[in-house]
């Protein structure tokens, strides 16, 4: 806080929803194109089986995953 006061800085917090209505369509268009042409890449971390979901959640909370955590459930095993 001392640096902020001594340099007379102004801080402003924001929530992304404040800007979503205005910029979301452009965001989708640009990011979608970037993913499609390979300019934007992302990682996903998969865990197989609903029974592993609690452990995956704890691991995610502790930083053991990378990217988006997805619990993959096999629909074919339904009774």
C-alpha atoms as a PDB file:
ATOM      1  CA  UNK A   1       0.000   0.000   0.000  1.00  0.00           C
ATOM      2  CA  UNK A   2       2.900   2.372   0.643  1.00  0.00           C
ATOM      3  CA  UNK A   3       3.945   2.218  -3.034  1.00  0.00           C
ATOM      4  CA  UNK A   4       0.387   2.909  -4.136  1.00  0.00           C
ATOM      5  CA  UNK A   5       0.097   5.929  -1.859  1.00  0.00           C
ATOM      6  CA  UNK A   6       3.567   7.341  -2.537  1.00  0.00           C
ATOM      7  CA  UNK A   7       3.073   7.137  -6.307  1.00  0.00           C
ATOM      8  CA  UNK A   8      -0.549   8.356  -6.190  1.00  0.00           C
ATOM      9  CA  UNK A   9      -1.706   5.299  -8.120  1.00  0.00           C
ATOM     10  CA  UNK A  10      -5.346   4.568  -8.793  1.00  0.00           C
ATOM     11  CA  UNK A  11      -6.542   0.989  -8.486  1.00  0.00           C
ATOM     12  CA  UNK A  12      -9.747  -0.242 -10.014  1.00  0.00           C
ATOM     13  CA  UNK A  13     -11.048  -3.755  -9.681  1.00  0.00           C
ATOM     14  CA  UNK A  14     -13.366  -5.227 -12.247  1.00  0.00           C
ATOM     15  CA  UNK A  15     -15.464  -8.288 -12.847  1.00  0.00           C
ATOM     16  CA  UNK A  16     -15.332  -9.715 -16.345  1.00  0.00           C
ATOM     17  CA  UNK A  17     -19.134  -9.691 -16.547  1.00  0.00           C
ATOM     18  CA  UNK A  18     -18.964  -5.883 -16.540  1.00  0.00           C
ATOM     19  CA  UNK A  19     -17.501  -6.096 -20.044  1.00  0.00           C
ATOM     20  CA  UNK A  20     -19.028  -9.315 -21.366  1.00  0.00           C
ATOM     21  CA  UNK A  21     -22.042  -7.843 -23.129  1.00  0.00           C
ATOM     22  CA  UNK A  22     -19.926  -5.380 -25.070  1.00  0.00           C
ATOM     23  CA  UNK A  23     -16.988  -7.623 -26.011  1.00  0.00           C
ATOM     24  CA  UNK A  24     -18.153 -11.261 -25.905  1.00  0.00           C
ATOM     25  CA  UNK A  25     -19.099 -11.625 -29.599  1.00  0.00           C
ATOM     26  CA  UNK A  26     -15.721 -10.261 -30.743  1.00  0.00           C
ATOM     27  CA  UNK A  27     -13.942 -12.468 -28.198  1.00  0.00           C
ATOM     28  CA  UNK A  28     -15.679 -15.599 -29.488  1.00  0.00           C
ATOM     29  CA  UNK A  29     -14.911 -14.743 -33.092  1.00  0.00           C
ATOM     30  CA  UNK A  30     -11.215 -13.989 -32.493  1.00  0.00           C
ATOM     31  CA  UNK A  31     -10.506 -16.807 -30.056  1.00  0.00           C
ATOM     32  CA  UNK A  32     -12.463 -19.332 -32.144  1.00  0.00           C
ATOM     33  CA  UNK A  33     -10.425 -18.400 -35.204  1.00  0.00           C
ATOM     34  CA  UNK A  34      -7.197 -18.601 -33.184  1.00  0.00           C
ATOM     35  CA  UNK A  35      -8.026 -22.101 -31.940  1.00  0.00           C
ATOM     36  CA  UNK A  36      -9.073 -23.222 -35.426  1.00  0.00           C
ATOM     37  CA  UNK A  37      -5.843 -22.044 -37.069  1.00  0.00           C
ATOM     38  CA  UNK A  38      -3.587 -23.269 -34.226  1.00  0.00           C
ATOM     39  CA  UNK A  39      -2.439 -19.840 -33.070  1.00  0.00           C
ATOM     40  CA  UNK A  40      -4.131 -20.426 -29.687  1.00  0.00           C
ATOM     41  CA  UNK A  41      -3.530 -23.755 -27.980  1.00  0.00           C
ATOM     42  CA  UNK A  42      -4.892 -25.062 -24.705  1.00  0.00           C
ATOM     43  CA  UNK A  43      -4.405 -28.089 -22.512  1.00  0.00           C
ATOM     44  CA  UNK A  44      -6.927 -30.349 -20.870  1.00  0.00           C
ATOM     45  CA  UNK A  45      -6.333 -32.782 -18.028  1.00  0.00           C
ATOM     46  CA  UNK A  46      -8.570 -35.884 -18.196  1.00  0.00           C
ATOM     47  CA  UNK A  47      -9.500 -38.210 -15.357  1.00  0.00           C
ATOM     48  CA  UNK A  48     -11.424 -41.362 -16.262  1.00  0.00           C
ATOM     49  CA  UNK A  49     -14.328 -42.469 -14.071  1.00  0.00           C
ATOM     50  CA  UNK A  50     -16.784 -40.691 -11.832  1.00  0.00           C
ATOM     51  CA  UNK A  51     -15.336 -42.511  -8.824  1.00  0.00           C
ATOM     52  CA  UNK A  52     -12.085 -40.548  -9.329  1.00  0.00           C
ATOM     53  CA  UNK A  53     -13.827 -37.156  -9.391  1.00  0.00           C
ATOM     54  CA  UNK A  54     -13.403 -36.362  -5.665  1.00  0.00           C
ATOM     55  CA  UNK A  55      -9.670 -37.059  -5.797  1.00  0.00           C
ATOM     56  CA  UNK A  56      -9.349 -35.087  -9.027  1.00  0.00           C
ATOM     57  CA  UNK A  57     -11.098 -32.127  -7.405  1.00  0.00           C
ATOM     58  CA  UNK A  58      -8.750 -32.209  -4.416  1.00  0.00           C
ATOM     59  CA  UNK A  59      -5.773 -32.489  -6.768  1.00  0.00           C
ATOM     60  CA  UNK A  60      -7.056 -29.553  -8.811  1.00  0.00           C
ATOM     61  CA  UNK A  61      -7.391 -27.491  -5.658  1.00  0.00           C
ATOM     62  CA  UNK A  62      -3.806 -28.369  -4.734  1.00  0.00           C
ATOM     63  CA  UNK A  63      -2.498 -27.485  -8.222  1.00  0.00           C
ATOM     64  CA  UNK A  64      -1.777 -31.011  -9.483  1.00  0.00           C
ATOM     65  CA  UNK A  65      -3.539 -30.559 -12.816  1.00  0.00           C
ATOM     66  CA  UNK A  66      -2.869 -28.357 -15.818  1.00  0.00           C
ATOM     67  CA  UNK A  67      -5.393 -26.606 -18.000  1.00  0.00           C
ATOM     68  CA  UNK A  68      -9.030 -27.591 -17.770  1.00  0.00           C
ATOM     69  CA  UNK A  69      -9.818 -30.635 -15.627  1.00  0.00           C
ATOM     70  CA  UNK A  70     -12.352 -32.965 -17.235  1.00  0.00           C
ATOM     71  CA  UNK A  71     -13.799 -36.054 -15.580  1.00  0.00           C
ATOM     72  CA  UNK A  72     -14.630 -38.476 -18.376  1.00  0.00           C
ATOM     73  CA  UNK A  73     -17.571 -40.770 -17.658  1.00  0.00           C
ATOM     74  CA  UNK A  74     -18.361 -43.787 -19.832  1.00  0.00           C
ATOM     75  CA  UNK A  75     -22.052 -43.630 -20.720  1.00  0.00           C
ATOM     76  CA  UNK A  76     -21.996 -47.227 -21.941  1.00  0.00           C
ATOM     77  CA  UNK A  77     -21.689 -48.571 -18.395  1.00  0.00           C
ATOM     78  CA  UNK A  78     -25.202 -47.454 -17.361  1.00  0.00           C
ATOM     79  CA  UNK A  79     -27.477 -50.197 -16.024  1.00  0.00           C
END
